[in-house]
């Protein structure tokens, strides 16, 4: 993790959280309420995760008064930043924390989606793991449902565990009206106006699979989230139903013709057997009369 330069003691001794939030590279964090920090229940288990836990907590809550050298103080401050990040991951899934992160999300403080088809949709920070010091923070777009790397190297060095793997999903569960409509618009590769064959075939296949999925969801009365091309899908459904009926009629006609052919074959085999049996019987009778004579 990237270490940020320390300020003078007068800058953060009394207002450490204000200093931390205002520091460059910490724009993704929201300020944790003091009541949440002073409730020991909210800090359960963190004493084994953070070095010099009590000193770090005193520094975060602005009650640190230990007289120590600069090296020791730097170590404690590093632990304080780590402790704040771990508590932050728990705080932002509370009602108060979600409200604060929502305000930052609406102002696009976390950045905007770089995908052109998303039309600069705002992003949310997230982690790929809840285990500290394992994976850095990423940015999630709810429109294309994909993740991206932060542009700034300072943001890219933030531990993903400081946001967790569930925060962005919980936010949209609590505020379902914020879920954007999924766009079916895709970029189509072209050469002088003509679609590239391989890529075009892949896109057609993907669109076909997506269309089948949306039709199945609509028949099950499940909201898919896609708003584009609903009329086209309904027309496709009607065409599919007509095709199914036509195929059914053709299938019934084919079965009738096959049954008729089987009946004719049976009658033909019966006639051949009768013709064959007739001459044989006459020949046997003549042979018997010859032997008597």
C-alpha atoms as a PDB file:
ATOM      1  CA  UNK A   1       0.000   0.000   0.000  1.00  0.00           C
ATOM      2  CA  UNK A   2       1.199   3.517  -0.758  1.00  0.00           C
ATOM      3  CA  UNK A   3       2.289   5.585   2.205  1.00  0.00           C
ATOM      4  CA  UNK A   4       1.208   9.198   2.241  1.00  0.00           C
ATOM      5  CA  UNK A   5       3.393  11.924   3.589  1.00  0.00           C
ATOM      6  CA  UNK A   6       2.706  12.826   7.196  1.00  0.00           C
ATOM      7  CA  UNK A   7       1.702  16.300   8.249  1.00  0.00           C
ATOM      8  CA  UNK A   8       2.888  18.195  11.283  1.00  0.00           C
ATOM      9  CA  UNK A   9       1.424  17.205  14.632  1.00  0.00           C
ATOM     10  CA  UNK A  10      -0.803  20.282  14.800  1.00  0.00           C
ATOM     11  CA  UNK A  11      -2.437  19.333  11.508  1.00  0.00           C
ATOM     12  CA  UNK A  12      -3.906  16.009  12.543  1.00  0.00           C
ATOM     13  CA  UNK A  13      -3.640  15.515  16.306  1.00  0.00           C
ATOM     14  CA  UNK A  14      -7.076  17.042  16.963  1.00  0.00           C
ATOM     15  CA  UNK A  15      -8.731  16.345  13.596  1.00  0.00           C
ATOM     16  CA  UNK A  16      -7.131  13.171  12.294  1.00  0.00           C
ATOM     17  CA  UNK A  17     -10.211  12.004  10.350  1.00  0.00           C
ATOM     18  CA  UNK A  18     -10.589  15.378   8.624  1.00  0.00           C
ATOM     19  CA  UNK A  19      -6.942  15.231   7.637  1.00  0.00           C
ATOM     20  CA  UNK A  20      -7.268  11.672   6.358  1.00  0.00           C
ATOM     21  CA  UNK A  21     -10.367  12.369   4.250  1.00  0.00           C
ATOM     22  CA  UNK A  22      -8.888  15.532   2.741  1.00  0.00           C
ATOM     23  CA  UNK A  23      -5.550  13.881   1.852  1.00  0.00           C
ATOM     24  CA  UNK A  24      -4.856  13.251  -1.828  1.00  0.00           C
ATOM     25  CA  UNK A  25      -5.720   9.713  -2.823  1.00  0.00           C
ATOM     26  CA  UNK A  26      -8.386   9.267  -0.130  1.00  0.00           C
ATOM     27  CA  UNK A  27     -11.280  10.739  -2.114  1.00  0.00           C
ATOM     28  CA  UNK A  28     -13.015   7.346  -2.231  1.00  0.00           C
ATOM     29  CA  UNK A  29     -13.459   7.275   1.555  1.00  0.00           C
ATOM     30  CA  UNK A  30     -16.301   8.835   3.492  1.00  0.00           C
ATOM     31  CA  UNK A  31     -16.002  10.143   7.044  1.00  0.00           C
ATOM     32  CA  UNK A  32     -16.938   7.611   9.715  1.00  0.00           C
ATOM     33  CA  UNK A  33     -19.116   8.944  12.524  1.00  0.00           C
ATOM     34  CA  UNK A  34     -17.394   9.189  15.893  1.00  0.00           C
ATOM     35  CA  UNK A  35     -20.243   7.262  17.543  1.00  0.00           C
ATOM     36  CA  UNK A  36     -19.562   4.333  15.253  1.00  0.00           C
ATOM     37  CA  UNK A  37     -15.831   4.419  15.983  1.00  0.00           C
ATOM     38  CA  UNK A  38     -16.278   4.532  19.743  1.00  0.00           C
ATOM     39  CA  UNK A  39     -18.694   1.571  19.790  1.00  0.00           C
ATOM     40  CA  UNK A  40     -16.496  -1.425  20.569  1.00  0.00           C
ATOM     41  CA  UNK A  41     -19.024  -3.802  19.042  1.00  0.00           C
ATOM     42  CA  UNK A  42     -18.303  -2.334  15.602  1.00  0.00           C
ATOM     43  CA  UNK A  43     -14.580  -3.030  16.050  1.00  0.00           C
ATOM     44  CA  UNK A  44     -14.906  -6.690  16.984  1.00  0.00           C
ATOM     45  CA  UNK A  45     -11.975  -8.772  15.734  1.00  0.00           C
ATOM     46  CA  UNK A  46      -9.919  -5.849  14.418  1.00  0.00           C
ATOM     47  CA  UNK A  47      -7.480  -5.928  17.336  1.00  0.00           C
ATOM     48  CA  UNK A  48      -5.839  -9.007  15.776  1.00  0.00           C
ATOM     49  CA  UNK A  49      -5.671  -7.404  12.323  1.00  0.00           C
ATOM     50  CA  UNK A  50      -3.964  -4.127  13.210  1.00  0.00           C
ATOM     51  CA  UNK A  51      -0.546  -3.608  14.767  1.00  0.00           C
ATOM     52  CA  UNK A  52      -0.568  -1.297  17.810  1.00  0.00           C
ATOM     53  CA  UNK A  53      -4.351  -1.482  17.666  1.00  0.00           C
ATOM     54  CA  UNK A  54      -5.094   0.602  20.779  1.00  0.00           C
ATOM     55  CA  UNK A  55      -2.665   3.365  19.844  1.00  0.00           C
ATOM     56  CA  UNK A  56      -4.065   3.417  16.302  1.00  0.00           C
ATOM     57  CA  UNK A  57      -7.627   3.662  17.621  1.00  0.00           C
ATOM     58  CA  UNK A  58      -6.622   6.502  19.951  1.00  0.00           C
ATOM     59  CA  UNK A  59      -5.102   8.341  17.016  1.00  0.00           C
ATOM     60  CA  UNK A  60      -8.215   7.886  14.845  1.00  0.00           C
ATOM     61  CA  UNK A  61     -10.502   9.050  17.660  1.00  0.00           C
ATOM     62  CA  UNK A  62      -8.238  12.045  18.480  1.00  0.00           C
ATOM     63  CA  UNK A  63      -7.253  10.938  21.989  1.00  0.00           C
ATOM     64  CA  UNK A  64      -3.680   9.895  21.215  1.00  0.00           C
ATOM     65  CA  UNK A  65      -1.248  11.353  23.774  1.00  0.00           C
ATOM     66  CA  UNK A  66       1.722   8.979  23.677  1.00  0.00           C
ATOM     67  CA  UNK A  67       5.106  10.649  23.647  1.00  0.00           C
ATOM     68  CA  UNK A  68       7.176   8.651  21.148  1.00  0.00           C
ATOM     69  CA  UNK A  69       9.824   9.143  18.498  1.00  0.00           C
ATOM     70  CA  UNK A  70       9.060   9.849  14.842  1.00  0.00           C
ATOM     71  CA  UNK A  71       9.627   6.279  13.681  1.00  0.00           C
ATOM     72  CA  UNK A  72       7.222   4.868  16.254  1.00  0.00           C
ATOM     73  CA  UNK A  73       4.655   7.529  15.448  1.00  0.00           C
ATOM     74  CA  UNK A  74       4.893   6.774  11.713  1.00  0.00           C
ATOM     75  CA  UNK A  75       4.277   3.087  12.432  1.00  0.00           C
ATOM     76  CA  UNK A  76       1.239   3.925  14.565  1.00  0.00           C
ATOM     77  CA  UNK A  77      -0.098   6.270  11.918  1.00  0.00           C
ATOM     78  CA  UNK A  78       0.240   3.577   9.261  1.00  0.00           C
ATOM     79  CA  UNK A  79      -1.713   1.245  11.530  1.00  0.00           C
ATOM     80  CA  UNK A  80      -4.314   3.975  12.041  1.00  0.00           C
ATOM     81  CA  UNK A  81      -4.846   4.275   8.285  1.00  0.00           C
ATOM     82  CA  UNK A  82      -5.225   0.513   8.013  1.00  0.00           C
ATOM     83  CA  UNK A  83      -7.657   0.448  10.942  1.00  0.00           C
ATOM     84  CA  UNK A  84      -9.724   3.243   9.420  1.00  0.00           C
ATOM     85  CA  UNK A  85      -9.942   1.340   6.132  1.00  0.00           C
ATOM     86  CA  UNK A  86     -11.133  -1.860   7.815  1.00  0.00           C
ATOM     87  CA  UNK A  87     -13.739   0.001   9.835  1.00  0.00           C
ATOM     88  CA  UNK A  88     -14.737   1.886   6.690  1.00  0.00           C
ATOM     89  CA  UNK A  89     -15.647  -1.395   4.947  1.00  0.00           C
ATOM     90  CA  UNK A  90     -18.086  -2.127   7.787  1.00  0.00           C
ATOM     91  CA  UNK A  91     -19.431   1.403   8.059  1.00  0.00           C
ATOM     92  CA  UNK A  92     -20.406   1.901   4.410  1.00  0.00           C
ATOM     93  CA  UNK A  93     -22.922  -0.971   4.534  1.00  0.00           C
ATOM     94  CA  UNK A  94     -24.827   0.699   7.391  1.00  0.00           C
ATOM     95  CA  UNK A  95     -27.727   3.045   6.760  1.00  0.00           C
ATOM     96  CA  UNK A  96     -25.678   6.124   7.532  1.00  0.00           C
ATOM     97  CA  UNK A  97     -22.679   4.931   5.534  1.00  0.00           C
ATOM     98  CA  UNK A  98     -24.770   4.054   2.496  1.00  0.00           C
ATOM     99  CA  UNK A  99     -26.317   7.529   2.537  1.00  0.00           C
ATOM    100  CA  UNK A 100     -22.882   9.170   2.550  1.00  0.00           C
ATOM    101  CA  UNK A 101     -21.550   6.992  -0.251  1.00  0.00           C
ATOM    102  CA  UNK A 102     -24.749   7.604  -2.221  1.00  0.00           C
ATOM    103  CA  UNK A 103     -24.103  11.345  -2.188  1.00  0.00           C
ATOM    104  CA  UNK A 104     -20.592  10.797  -3.513  1.00  0.00           C
ATOM    105  CA  UNK A 105     -21.953   8.404  -6.161  1.00  0.00           C
ATOM    106  CA  UNK A 106     -24.503  10.949  -7.392  1.00  0.00           C
ATOM    107  CA  UNK A 107     -21.756  13.550  -7.746  1.00  0.00           C
ATOM    108  CA  UNK A 108     -19.572  11.025  -9.616  1.00  0.00           C
ATOM    109  CA  UNK A 109     -16.775  11.457  -7.073  1.00  0.00           C
ATOM    110  CA  UNK A 110     -15.575   7.953  -7.891  1.00  0.00           C
ATOM    111  CA  UNK A 111     -15.285   8.639 -11.602  1.00  0.00           C
ATOM    112  CA  UNK A 112     -17.306   7.759 -14.710  1.00  0.00           C
ATOM    113  CA  UNK A 113     -17.396   4.622 -16.803  1.00  0.00           C
ATOM    114  CA  UNK A 114     -14.827   4.727 -19.629  1.00  0.00           C
ATOM    115  CA  UNK A 115     -17.055   2.592 -21.886  1.00  0.00           C
ATOM    116  CA  UNK A 116     -18.495   4.793 -24.640  1.00  0.00           C
ATOM    117  CA  UNK A 117     -21.859   3.006 -24.729  1.00  0.00           C
ATOM    118  CA  UNK A 118     -22.400   3.710 -20.999  1.00  0.00           C
ATOM    119  CA  UNK A 119     -22.522   7.477 -21.620  1.00  0.00           C
ATOM    120  CA  UNK A 120     -20.310   8.448 -18.641  1.00  0.00           C
ATOM    121  CA  UNK A 121     -22.324   6.506 -16.072  1.00  0.00           C
ATOM    122  CA  UNK A 122     -20.938   7.045 -12.525  1.00  0.00           C
ATOM    123  CA  UNK A 123     -18.839   4.313 -10.919  1.00  0.00           C
ATOM    124  CA  UNK A 124     -18.660   2.777  -7.456  1.00  0.00           C
ATOM    125  CA  UNK A 125     -15.538   1.537  -5.613  1.00  0.00           C
ATOM    126  CA  UNK A 126     -15.419  -2.146  -4.785  1.00  0.00           C
ATOM    127  CA  UNK A 127     -13.052  -4.868  -3.712  1.00  0.00           C
ATOM    128  CA  UNK A 128     -12.367  -8.217  -5.300  1.00  0.00           C
ATOM    129  CA  UNK A 129     -11.590  -9.730  -1.904  1.00  0.00           C
ATOM    130  CA  UNK A 130     -12.546  -9.087   1.708  1.00  0.00           C
ATOM    131  CA  UNK A 131      -9.076 -10.144   2.867  1.00  0.00           C
ATOM    132  CA  UNK A 132      -6.727  -7.166   3.457  1.00  0.00           C
ATOM    133  CA  UNK A 133      -3.520  -6.725   1.445  1.00  0.00           C
ATOM    134  CA  UNK A 134      -4.645  -9.144  -1.244  1.00  0.00           C
ATOM    135  CA  UNK A 135      -6.207  -7.163  -4.123  1.00  0.00           C
ATOM    136  CA  UNK A 136      -6.446  -3.409  -4.839  1.00  0.00           C
ATOM    137  CA  UNK A 137      -9.709  -1.487  -5.202  1.00  0.00           C
ATOM    138  CA  UNK A 138     -11.586  -1.510  -8.514  1.00  0.00           C
ATOM    139  CA  UNK A 139     -14.447   0.545  -9.934  1.00  0.00           C
ATOM    140  CA  UNK A 140     -17.826  -0.976 -10.807  1.00  0.00           C
ATOM    141  CA  UNK A 141     -20.279   0.260 -13.450  1.00  0.00           C
ATOM    142  CA  UNK A 142     -23.897  -0.749 -12.830  1.00  0.00           C
ATOM    143  CA  UNK A 143     -24.879  -0.094 -16.451  1.00  0.00           C
ATOM    144  CA  UNK A 144     -22.494  -2.488 -18.192  1.00  0.00           C
ATOM    145  CA  UNK A 145     -21.913  -4.546 -15.015  1.00  0.00           C
ATOM    146  CA  UNK A 146     -18.151  -4.560 -15.514  1.00  0.00           C
ATOM    147  CA  UNK A 147     -15.149  -3.514 -13.405  1.00  0.00           C
ATOM    148  CA  UNK A 148     -12.357  -1.093 -14.246  1.00  0.00           C
ATOM    149  CA  UNK A 149      -9.022   0.038 -12.869  1.00  0.00           C
ATOM    150  CA  UNK A 150      -8.881   3.508 -11.285  1.00  0.00           C
ATOM    151  CA  UNK A 151      -7.119   6.113 -13.414  1.00  0.00           C
ATOM    152  CA  UNK A 152      -5.015   7.530 -10.577  1.00  0.00           C
ATOM    153  CA  UNK A 153      -2.136   5.471  -9.220  1.00  0.00           C
ATOM    154  CA  UNK A 154      -3.022   6.723  -5.733  1.00  0.00           C
ATOM    155  CA  UNK A 155      -6.517   5.277  -6.012  1.00  0.00           C
ATOM    156  CA  UNK A 156      -5.213   2.105  -7.644  1.00  0.00           C
ATOM    157  CA  UNK A 157      -3.050   1.451  -4.568  1.00  0.00           C
ATOM    158  CA  UNK A 158      -5.991   1.490  -2.131  1.00  0.00           C
ATOM    159  CA  UNK A 159      -6.717  -1.896  -0.589  1.00  0.00           C
ATOM    160  CA  UNK A 160      -9.918  -3.373  -2.008  1.00  0.00           C
ATOM    161  CA  UNK A 161     -10.814  -4.758   1.434  1.00  0.00           C
ATOM    162  CA  UNK A 162     -11.505  -1.157   2.562  1.00  0.00           C
ATOM    163  CA  UNK A 163     -14.711  -1.320   0.462  1.00  0.00           C
ATOM    164  CA  UNK A 164     -15.429  -5.039   0.389  1.00  0.00           C
ATOM    165  CA  UNK A 165     -17.082  -7.249  -2.176  1.00  0.00           C
ATOM    166  CA  UNK A 166     -20.686  -6.549  -1.114  1.00  0.00           C
ATOM    167  CA  UNK A 167     -21.000  -2.782  -0.763  1.00  0.00           C
ATOM    168  CA  UNK A 168     -21.945  -1.940  -4.361  1.00  0.00           C
ATOM    169  CA  UNK A 169     -24.553  -4.708  -4.469  1.00  0.00           C
ATOM    170  CA  UNK A 170     -26.062  -3.702  -1.118  1.00  0.00           C
ATOM    171  CA  UNK A 171     -26.339  -0.094  -2.292  1.00  0.00           C
ATOM    172  CA  UNK A 172     -28.570  -1.065  -5.210  1.00  0.00           C
ATOM    173  CA  UNK A 173     -30.574  -3.425  -3.021  1.00  0.00           C
ATOM    174  CA  UNK A 174     -31.347  -0.572  -0.629  1.00  0.00           C
ATOM    175  CA  UNK A 175     -31.891   1.965  -3.445  1.00  0.00           C
ATOM    176  CA  UNK A 176     -33.405  -0.102  -6.305  1.00  0.00           C
ATOM    177  CA  UNK A 177     -34.495   3.023  -8.185  1.00  0.00           C
ATOM    178  CA  UNK A 178     -30.831   3.728  -8.892  1.00  0.00           C
ATOM    179  CA  UNK A 179     -30.409   0.550 -10.938  1.00  0.00           C
ATOM    180  CA  UNK A 180     -29.874   1.772 -14.511  1.00  0.00           C
ATOM    181  CA  UNK A 181     -31.430   0.181 -17.567  1.00  0.00           C
ATOM    182  CA  UNK A 182     -29.042  -2.256 -19.214  1.00  0.00           C
ATOM    183  CA  UNK A 183     -28.127  -1.135 -22.704  1.00  0.00           C
ATOM    184  CA  UNK A 184     -28.198  -3.621 -25.576  1.00  0.00           C
ATOM    185  CA  UNK A 185     -26.252  -1.211 -27.779  1.00  0.00           C
ATOM    186  CA  UNK A 186     -22.974  -2.670 -28.990  1.00  0.00           C
ATOM    187  CA  UNK A 187     -20.100  -1.509 -31.130  1.00  0.00           C
ATOM    188  CA  UNK A 188     -20.073  -3.251 -34.534  1.00  0.00           C
ATOM    189  CA  UNK A 189     -16.647  -3.462 -36.265  1.00  0.00           C
ATOM    190  CA  UNK A 190     -16.777  -2.310 -39.888  1.00  0.00           C
ATOM    191  CA  UNK A 191     -14.366  -1.945 -42.807  1.00  0.00           C
ATOM    192  CA  UNK A 192     -15.449   0.769 -45.268  1.00  0.00           C
ATOM    193  CA  UNK A 193     -18.975   0.460 -43.968  1.00  0.00           C
ATOM    194  CA  UNK A 194     -19.142  -3.356 -44.179  1.00  0.00           C
ATOM    195  CA  UNK A 195     -19.310  -5.526 -41.078  1.00  0.00           C
ATOM    196  CA  UNK A 196     -16.245  -7.611 -40.308  1.00  0.00           C
ATOM    197  CA  UNK A 197     -17.366 -11.188 -40.958  1.00  0.00           C
ATOM    198  CA  UNK A 198     -15.994 -13.050 -37.921  1.00  0.00           C
ATOM    199  CA  UNK A 199     -16.871 -10.315 -35.462  1.00  0.00           C
ATOM    200  CA  UNK A 200     -20.288  -9.840 -37.054  1.00  0.00           C
ATOM    201  CA  UNK A 201     -21.034 -13.556 -36.732  1.00  0.00           C
ATOM    202  CA  UNK A 202     -20.030 -13.472 -33.080  1.00  0.00           C
ATOM    203  CA  UNK A 203     -22.244 -10.449 -32.438  1.00  0.00           C
ATOM    204  CA  UNK A 204     -25.190 -12.134 -34.171  1.00  0.00           C
ATOM    205  CA  UNK A 205     -24.710 -15.216 -32.024  1.00  0.00           C
ATOM    206  CA  UNK A 206     -24.470 -13.141 -28.837  1.00  0.00           C
ATOM    207  CA  UNK A 207     -27.542 -11.134 -29.794  1.00  0.00           C
ATOM    208  CA  UNK A 208     -29.435 -14.353 -30.512  1.00  0.00           C
ATOM    209  CA  UNK A 209     -28.545 -15.824 -27.132  1.00  0.00           C
ATOM    210  CA  UNK A 210     -29.474 -12.562 -25.413  1.00  0.00           C
ATOM    211  CA  UNK A 211     -32.782 -12.447 -27.277  1.00  0.00           C
ATOM    212  CA  UNK A 212     -33.621 -16.019 -26.268  1.00  0.00           C
ATOM    213  CA  UNK A 213     -32.808 -15.257 -22.663  1.00  0.00           C
ATOM    214  CA  UNK A 214     -34.979 -12.126 -22.652  1.00  0.00           C
ATOM    215  CA  UNK A 215     -37.884 -14.016 -24.234  1.00  0.00           C
ATOM    216  CA  UNK A 216     -37.647 -16.749 -21.602  1.00  0.00           C
ATOM    217  CA  UNK A 217     -37.534 -14.177 -18.817  1.00  0.00           C
ATOM    218  CA  UNK A 218     -40.533 -12.338 -20.242  1.00  0.00           C
ATOM    219  CA  UNK A 219     -42.548 -15.563 -20.489  1.00  0.00           C
ATOM    220  CA  UNK A 220     -41.693 -16.224 -16.830  1.00  0.00           C
ATOM    221  CA  UNK A 221     -42.718 -12.618 -16.064  1.00  0.00           C
ATOM    222  CA  UNK A 222     -39.240 -11.780 -14.748  1.00  0.00           C
ATOM    223  CA  UNK A 223     -37.953  -8.235 -15.215  1.00  0.00           C
ATOM    224  CA  UNK A 224     -34.738  -8.472 -17.261  1.00  0.00           C
ATOM    225  CA  UNK A 225     -33.643  -4.840 -16.917  1.00  0.00           C
ATOM    226  CA  UNK A 226     -33.225  -4.451 -20.702  1.00  0.00           C
ATOM    227  CA  UNK A 227     -35.266  -1.635 -22.201  1.00  0.00           C
ATOM    228  CA  UNK A 228     -33.968  -1.580 -25.769  1.00  0.00           C
ATOM    229  CA  UNK A 229     -35.699  -3.391 -28.636  1.00  0.00           C
ATOM    230  CA  UNK A 230     -38.698  -4.764 -26.693  1.00  0.00           C
ATOM    231  CA  UNK A 231     -40.986  -4.213 -29.715  1.00  0.00           C
ATOM    232  CA  UNK A 232     -38.626  -6.150 -31.962  1.00  0.00           C
ATOM    233  CA  UNK A 233     -38.602  -9.035 -29.509  1.00  0.00           C
ATOM    234  CA  UNK A 234     -42.412  -9.113 -29.416  1.00  0.00           C
ATOM    235  CA  UNK A 235     -42.504  -9.288 -33.221  1.00  0.00           C
ATOM    236  CA  UNK A 236     -39.930 -12.063 -33.121  1.00  0.00           C
ATOM    237  CA  UNK A 237     -42.095 -13.944 -30.613  1.00  0.00           C
ATOM    238  CA  UNK A 238     -45.108 -13.684 -32.938  1.00  0.00           C
ATOM    239  CA  UNK A 239     -43.027 -14.932 -35.855  1.00  0.00           C
ATOM    240  CA  UNK A 240     -41.729 -17.796 -33.745  1.00  0.00           C
ATOM    241  CA  UNK A 241     -45.278 -18.780 -32.750  1.00  0.00           C
ATOM    242  CA  UNK A 242     -46.395 -18.747 -36.411  1.00  0.00           C
ATOM    243  CA  UNK A 243     -43.383 -20.814 -37.370  1.00  0.00           C
ATOM    244  CA  UNK A 244     -44.165 -23.307 -34.604  1.00  0.00           C
ATOM    245  CA  UNK A 245     -47.764 -23.697 -35.824  1.00  0.00           C
ATOM    246  CA  UNK A 246     -46.645 -24.170 -39.429  1.00  0.00           C
ATOM    247  CA  UNK A 247     -44.047 -26.720 -38.389  1.00  0.00           C
ATOM    248  CA  UNK A 248     -46.730 -28.537 -36.361  1.00  0.00           C
ATOM    249  CA  UNK A 249     -49.044 -28.754 -39.355  1.00  0.00           C
ATOM    250  CA  UNK A 250     -46.243 -30.020 -41.565  1.00  0.00           C
ATOM    251  CA  UNK A 251     -45.356 -32.576 -38.906  1.00  0.00           C
ATOM    252  CA  UNK A 252     -48.964 -33.854 -38.708  1.00  0.00           C
ATOM    253  CA  UNK A 253     -49.140 -34.119 -42.519  1.00  0.00           C
ATOM    254  CA  UNK A 254     -45.873 -36.049 -42.621  1.00  0.00           C
ATOM    255  CA  UNK A 255     -47.117 -38.503 -39.991  1.00  0.00           C
ATOM    256  CA  UNK A 256     -50.357 -39.109 -41.976  1.00  0.00           C
ATOM    257  CA  UNK A 257     -48.474 -39.788 -45.189  1.00  0.00           C
ATOM    258  CA  UNK A 258     -46.131 -42.162 -43.409  1.00  0.00           C
ATOM    259  CA  UNK A 259     -49.062 -44.116 -41.894  1.00  0.00           C
ATOM    260  CA  UNK A 260     -50.699 -44.434 -45.334  1.00  0.00           C
ATOM    261  CA  UNK A 261     -47.476 -45.762 -46.843  1.00  0.00           C
ATOM    262  CA  UNK A 262     -47.159 -48.336 -44.064  1.00  0.00           C
ATOM    263  CA  UNK A 263     -50.764 -49.531 -44.682  1.00  0.00           C
ATOM    264  CA  UNK A 264     -50.105 -49.905 -48.392  1.00  0.00           C
ATOM    265  CA  UNK A 265     -46.955 -51.901 -47.671  1.00  0.00           C
ATOM    266  CA  UNK A 266     -48.892 -54.283 -45.408  1.00  0.00           C
ATOM    267  CA  UNK A 267     -51.570 -54.831 -48.041  1.00  0.00           C
ATOM    268  CA  UNK A 268     -48.912 -55.419 -50.687  1.00  0.00           C
ATOM    269  CA  UNK A 269     -47.112 -58.055 -48.560  1.00  0.00           C
ATOM    270  CA  UNK A 270     -50.458 -59.814 -47.898  1.00  0.00           C
ATOM    271  CA  UNK A 271     -51.261 -60.005 -51.623  1.00  0.00           C
ATOM    272  CA  UNK A 272     -47.847 -61.399 -52.474  1.00  0.00           C
ATOM    273  CA  UNK A 273     -48.217 -64.079 -49.777  1.00  0.00           C
ATOM    274  CA  UNK A 274     -51.619 -65.142 -51.177  1.00  0.00           C
ATOM    275  CA  UNK A 275     -50.311 -65.396 -54.724  1.00  0.00           C
ATOM    276  CA  UNK A 276     -47.327 -67.439 -53.583  1.00  0.00           C
ATOM    277  CA  UNK A 277     -49.445 -69.841 -51.486  1.00  0.00           C
ATOM    278  CA  UNK A 278     -51.908 -70.624 -54.403  1.00  0.00           C
ATOM    279  CA  UNK A 279     -49.560 -72.382 -56.864  1.00  0.00           C
ATOM    280  CA  UNK A 280     -47.864 -74.287 -54.083  1.00  0.00           C
ATOM    281  CA  UNK A 281     -51.160 -75.847 -52.946  1.00  0.00           C
ATOM    282  CA  UNK A 282     -52.098 -76.960 -56.514  1.00  0.00           C
ATOM    283  CA  UNK A 283     -48.711 -78.550 -57.069  1.00  0.00           C
ATOM    284  CA  UNK A 284     -48.967 -80.473 -53.790  1.00  0.00           C
ATOM    285  CA  UNK A 285     -52.447 -81.821 -54.759  1.00  0.00           C
ATOM    286  CA  UNK A 286     -51.287 -83.053 -58.154  1.00  0.00           C
ATOM    287  CA  UNK A 287     -48.308 -84.821 -56.589  1.00  0.00           C
ATOM    288  CA  UNK A 288     -50.589 -86.639 -54.131  1.00  0.00           C
ATOM    289  CA  UNK A 289     -52.945 -87.836 -56.898  1.00  0.00           C
ATOM    290  CA  UNK A 290     -49.984 -89.129 -58.935  1.00  0.00           C
ATOM    291  CA  UNK A 291     -48.766 -91.218 -56.059  1.00  0.00           C
ATOM    292  CA  UNK A 292     -52.187 -92.861 -55.575  1.00  0.00           C
ATOM    293  CA  UNK A 293     -52.420 -93.769 -59.205  1.00  0.00           C
END
